N, C-alpha and C. Protein backbone atom coordinates (compact mmCIF):
# COMPACT_ATOMS: atom_id res chain seq x y z
N MET A 1 -47.29 21.58 6.59
CA MET A 1 -46.67 20.28 6.36
C MET A 1 -45.18 20.41 6.07
N THR A 2 -44.75 21.59 5.58
CA THR A 2 -43.35 21.75 5.20
C THR A 2 -42.44 21.98 6.40
N GLY A 3 -43.02 22.38 7.54
CA GLY A 3 -42.19 22.64 8.71
C GLY A 3 -41.48 23.97 8.65
N ARG A 4 -41.99 24.90 7.82
CA ARG A 4 -41.36 26.21 7.68
C ARG A 4 -42.29 27.30 8.21
N ASP A 5 -41.69 28.40 8.65
CA ASP A 5 -42.50 29.52 9.12
C ASP A 5 -42.84 30.44 7.96
N LYS A 6 -43.47 31.58 8.24
CA LYS A 6 -43.91 32.49 7.17
C LYS A 6 -42.76 33.09 6.38
N ASN A 7 -41.54 33.09 6.96
CA ASN A 7 -40.36 33.60 6.26
C ASN A 7 -39.63 32.52 5.47
N GLY A 8 -40.17 31.31 5.51
CA GLY A 8 -39.55 30.22 4.76
C GLY A 8 -38.45 29.50 5.52
N GLN A 9 -38.21 29.88 6.78
CA GLN A 9 -37.17 29.22 7.56
C GLN A 9 -37.76 28.02 8.28
N PHE A 10 -36.92 27.02 8.54
CA PHE A 10 -37.41 25.84 9.25
C PHE A 10 -37.79 26.21 10.68
N LYS A 11 -38.91 25.68 11.12
CA LYS A 11 -39.35 25.89 12.50
C LYS A 11 -38.47 25.07 13.43
N LYS A 12 -38.23 25.58 14.62
CA LYS A 12 -37.39 24.90 15.59
C LYS A 12 -37.98 23.52 15.91
N GLY A 13 -37.15 22.49 15.83
CA GLY A 13 -37.58 21.14 16.13
C GLY A 13 -38.28 20.42 15.00
N GLU A 14 -38.50 21.08 13.86
CA GLU A 14 -39.24 20.48 12.74
C GLU A 14 -38.32 19.80 11.72
N TYR A 15 -37.05 20.11 11.77
CA TYR A 15 -36.14 19.62 10.74
C TYR A 15 -34.93 18.99 11.41
N LYS A 16 -34.69 17.73 11.13
CA LYS A 16 -33.56 17.03 11.74
C LYS A 16 -32.23 17.41 11.09
N GLY A 17 -32.26 17.73 9.81
CA GLY A 17 -31.05 18.18 9.11
C GLY A 17 -30.07 17.06 8.83
N GLY A 18 -29.07 17.40 8.04
CA GLY A 18 -28.05 16.42 7.67
C GLY A 18 -26.86 16.51 8.59
N PRO A 19 -25.74 15.94 8.15
CA PRO A 19 -24.56 15.95 9.01
C PRO A 19 -24.05 17.37 9.26
N GLY A 20 -24.19 18.26 8.28
CA GLY A 20 -23.79 19.65 8.48
C GLY A 20 -22.32 19.83 8.78
N ARG A 21 -22.00 20.96 9.31
CA ARG A 21 -20.63 21.29 9.66
C ARG A 21 -20.22 20.51 10.91
N PRO A 22 -19.01 19.93 10.93
CA PRO A 22 -18.57 19.19 12.10
C PRO A 22 -18.51 20.09 13.34
N ARG A 23 -18.65 19.50 14.49
CA ARG A 23 -18.52 20.27 15.72
C ARG A 23 -17.13 20.87 15.81
N LYS A 24 -17.03 21.97 16.49
CA LYS A 24 -15.75 22.68 16.61
C LYS A 24 -14.66 21.77 17.17
N GLU A 25 -15.01 20.93 18.15
CA GLU A 25 -14.00 20.05 18.75
C GLU A 25 -13.40 19.11 17.70
N ARG A 26 -14.26 18.60 16.82
CA ARG A 26 -13.79 17.69 15.77
C ARG A 26 -12.89 18.45 14.79
N GLU A 27 -13.30 19.66 14.44
CA GLU A 27 -12.51 20.47 13.52
C GLU A 27 -11.13 20.77 14.11
N VAL A 28 -11.10 21.10 15.38
CA VAL A 28 -9.83 21.38 16.06
C VAL A 28 -8.96 20.14 16.07
N GLU A 29 -9.56 18.97 16.31
CA GLU A 29 -8.81 17.71 16.32
C GLU A 29 -8.23 17.41 14.93
N TYR A 30 -9.03 17.61 13.87
CA TYR A 30 -8.54 17.39 12.51
C TYR A 30 -7.36 18.32 12.21
N TYR A 31 -7.48 19.57 12.62
CA TYR A 31 -6.42 20.54 12.38
C TYR A 31 -5.15 20.13 13.13
N ARG A 32 -5.31 19.67 14.36
CA ARG A 32 -4.16 19.23 15.17
C ARG A 32 -3.46 18.07 14.49
N ILE A 33 -4.23 17.10 14.01
CA ILE A 33 -3.64 15.94 13.32
C ILE A 33 -2.91 16.39 12.07
N LEU A 34 -3.54 17.25 11.28
CA LEU A 34 -2.93 17.75 10.06
C LEU A 34 -1.63 18.48 10.36
N GLN A 35 -1.65 19.28 11.42
CA GLN A 35 -0.48 20.06 11.79
C GLN A 35 0.73 19.17 12.11
N PHE A 36 0.49 18.03 12.76
CA PHE A 36 1.60 17.17 13.14
C PHE A 36 1.98 16.16 12.06
N ARG A 37 1.02 15.78 11.22
CA ARG A 37 1.31 14.80 10.18
C ARG A 37 1.86 15.43 8.91
N CYS A 38 1.45 16.65 8.62
CA CYS A 38 1.93 17.32 7.41
C CYS A 38 2.88 18.44 7.82
N THR A 39 4.11 18.06 8.04
CA THR A 39 5.13 19.01 8.46
C THR A 39 5.50 19.94 7.30
N THR A 40 6.27 20.95 7.61
CA THR A 40 6.75 21.86 6.57
C THR A 40 7.54 21.09 5.51
N GLU A 41 8.35 20.14 5.97
CA GLU A 41 9.14 19.34 5.03
C GLU A 41 8.23 18.48 4.15
N ALA A 42 7.19 17.89 4.73
CA ALA A 42 6.26 17.07 3.96
C ALA A 42 5.52 17.93 2.93
N TRP A 43 5.09 19.12 3.35
CA TRP A 43 4.39 20.01 2.41
C TRP A 43 5.33 20.43 1.29
N GLN A 44 6.58 20.69 1.60
CA GLN A 44 7.57 21.05 0.57
C GLN A 44 7.71 19.92 -0.45
N ALA A 45 7.74 18.68 0.03
CA ALA A 45 7.84 17.54 -0.88
C ALA A 45 6.60 17.43 -1.76
N ILE A 46 5.43 17.69 -1.20
CA ILE A 46 4.18 17.66 -1.97
C ILE A 46 4.20 18.71 -3.06
N VAL A 47 4.62 19.92 -2.71
CA VAL A 47 4.69 21.01 -3.69
C VAL A 47 5.73 20.69 -4.76
N ASP A 48 6.89 20.18 -4.36
CA ASP A 48 7.93 19.81 -5.33
C ASP A 48 7.40 18.79 -6.33
N LYS A 49 6.66 17.79 -5.84
CA LYS A 49 6.10 16.76 -6.71
C LYS A 49 5.07 17.36 -7.66
N ALA A 50 4.23 18.27 -7.13
CA ALA A 50 3.21 18.92 -7.97
C ALA A 50 3.87 19.75 -9.07
N VAL A 51 4.94 20.46 -8.75
CA VAL A 51 5.67 21.25 -9.74
C VAL A 51 6.25 20.33 -10.82
N GLU A 52 6.85 19.24 -10.39
CA GLU A 52 7.42 18.27 -11.33
C GLU A 52 6.32 17.72 -12.26
N GLN A 53 5.18 17.34 -11.70
CA GLN A 53 4.08 16.80 -12.50
C GLN A 53 3.51 17.87 -13.44
N ALA A 54 3.38 19.09 -12.95
CA ALA A 54 2.86 20.18 -13.78
C ALA A 54 3.77 20.44 -14.97
N LYS A 55 5.07 20.39 -14.74
CA LYS A 55 6.03 20.59 -15.83
C LYS A 55 5.92 19.50 -16.89
N ARG A 56 5.50 18.30 -16.47
CA ARG A 56 5.33 17.19 -17.42
C ARG A 56 3.99 17.24 -18.13
N GLY A 57 3.17 18.24 -17.78
CA GLY A 57 1.89 18.40 -18.48
C GLY A 57 0.67 17.94 -17.71
N ASP A 58 0.82 17.60 -16.44
CA ASP A 58 -0.31 17.13 -15.64
C ASP A 58 -1.22 18.32 -15.31
N SER A 59 -2.42 18.32 -15.90
CA SER A 59 -3.33 19.45 -15.73
C SER A 59 -3.88 19.55 -14.30
N VAL A 60 -4.02 18.43 -13.62
CA VAL A 60 -4.50 18.45 -12.23
C VAL A 60 -3.45 19.12 -11.34
N ALA A 61 -2.19 18.80 -11.55
CA ALA A 61 -1.12 19.42 -10.77
C ALA A 61 -1.03 20.91 -11.07
N ARG A 62 -1.21 21.30 -12.35
CA ARG A 62 -1.21 22.72 -12.69
C ARG A 62 -2.34 23.46 -11.98
N LYS A 63 -3.52 22.86 -11.98
CA LYS A 63 -4.67 23.49 -11.33
C LYS A 63 -4.43 23.60 -9.82
N PHE A 64 -3.91 22.55 -9.21
CA PHE A 64 -3.60 22.56 -7.77
C PHE A 64 -2.67 23.71 -7.44
N LEU A 65 -1.60 23.85 -8.21
CA LEU A 65 -0.63 24.92 -7.95
C LEU A 65 -1.24 26.30 -8.21
N ALA A 66 -1.95 26.44 -9.30
CA ALA A 66 -2.55 27.73 -9.64
C ALA A 66 -3.56 28.15 -8.59
N ASP A 67 -4.37 27.21 -8.11
CA ASP A 67 -5.36 27.53 -7.09
C ASP A 67 -4.69 28.02 -5.80
N TYR A 68 -3.56 27.43 -5.44
CA TYR A 68 -2.85 27.87 -4.24
C TYR A 68 -2.10 29.18 -4.45
N LEU A 69 -1.55 29.36 -5.66
CA LEU A 69 -0.73 30.54 -5.91
C LEU A 69 -1.55 31.79 -6.22
N ILE A 70 -2.57 31.65 -7.07
CA ILE A 70 -3.34 32.83 -7.47
C ILE A 70 -4.83 32.71 -7.19
N GLY A 71 -5.26 31.55 -6.70
CA GLY A 71 -6.67 31.34 -6.40
C GLY A 71 -7.43 30.88 -7.63
N PRO A 72 -8.60 30.27 -7.40
CA PRO A 72 -9.38 29.81 -8.55
C PRO A 72 -9.90 30.99 -9.36
N PRO A 73 -10.12 30.79 -10.65
CA PRO A 73 -10.60 31.90 -11.48
C PRO A 73 -11.98 32.38 -11.04
N VAL A 74 -12.20 33.67 -11.17
CA VAL A 74 -13.48 34.27 -10.82
C VAL A 74 -14.32 34.35 -12.10
N GLU A 75 -15.55 33.86 -12.01
CA GLU A 75 -16.43 33.93 -13.16
C GLU A 75 -16.98 35.35 -13.26
N ARG A 76 -16.82 35.95 -14.40
CA ARG A 76 -17.30 37.31 -14.61
C ARG A 76 -18.34 37.31 -15.71
N LYS A 77 -19.41 38.05 -15.49
CA LYS A 77 -20.46 38.17 -16.49
C LYS A 77 -20.79 39.63 -16.68
N GLU A 78 -20.94 40.01 -17.91
CA GLU A 78 -21.36 41.38 -18.20
C GLU A 78 -22.87 41.38 -18.33
N ILE A 79 -23.49 42.26 -17.59
CA ILE A 79 -24.94 42.35 -17.61
C ILE A 79 -25.31 43.71 -18.19
N SER A 80 -26.19 43.70 -19.16
CA SER A 80 -26.62 44.96 -19.76
C SER A 80 -28.13 44.93 -19.96
N GLY A 81 -28.67 46.11 -20.26
CA GLY A 81 -30.10 46.24 -20.50
C GLY A 81 -30.49 45.60 -21.82
N PRO A 82 -31.79 45.64 -22.16
CA PRO A 82 -32.27 44.98 -23.37
C PRO A 82 -31.64 45.50 -24.66
N ASP A 83 -31.23 46.76 -24.68
CA ASP A 83 -30.60 47.34 -25.88
C ASP A 83 -29.09 47.41 -25.75
N GLY A 84 -28.54 46.71 -24.77
CA GLY A 84 -27.11 46.76 -24.54
C GLY A 84 -26.68 47.95 -23.72
N ASP A 85 -27.66 48.70 -23.21
CA ASP A 85 -27.36 49.87 -22.39
C ASP A 85 -26.96 49.46 -20.97
N VAL A 86 -26.39 50.42 -20.26
CA VAL A 86 -26.01 50.22 -18.87
C VAL A 86 -27.28 50.10 -18.03
N ILE A 87 -27.25 49.19 -17.06
CA ILE A 87 -28.36 49.06 -16.12
C ILE A 87 -28.01 49.89 -14.89
N ARG A 88 -28.86 50.80 -14.53
CA ARG A 88 -28.64 51.66 -13.36
C ARG A 88 -29.33 51.02 -12.15
N VAL A 89 -28.62 50.97 -11.04
CA VAL A 89 -29.16 50.40 -9.80
C VAL A 89 -29.08 51.48 -8.73
N THR A 90 -30.20 51.70 -8.04
CA THR A 90 -30.24 52.67 -6.95
C THR A 90 -30.56 51.91 -5.67
N LEU A 91 -29.71 52.09 -4.67
CA LEU A 91 -29.92 51.43 -3.38
C LEU A 91 -30.52 52.43 -2.41
N LYS A 92 -31.53 52.01 -1.69
CA LYS A 92 -32.17 52.86 -0.71
C LYS A 92 -31.80 52.39 0.67
N SER A 93 -31.63 53.33 1.58
CA SER A 93 -31.33 53.02 2.96
C SER A 93 -32.62 52.65 3.69
N ASN A 94 -32.54 51.76 4.65
CA ASN A 94 -33.71 51.36 5.44
C ASN A 94 -33.94 52.31 6.62
N ASP A 95 -33.16 53.37 6.72
CA ASP A 95 -33.30 54.31 7.85
C ASP A 95 -34.55 55.12 7.72
């Protein structure tokens, strides 16, 4: 009844799916529009405005700039064994 095979994947023709990723042609068209509408000068003005707003304390502008300049922060978690010991992982080859 679920429309899935023994591996849990949807069977061909059983799932209509959502909108998903746009077709490549649409993506190319969006990129073309963006390329012509957001010129280098326009992008410079956007960045200048974001810098001005960030300096005034706008946290959204600071995040926008930080994400472009250094990327979003990476979540790091320390994982240890039950007694705080190191967990050893051994990987085996499928050969």
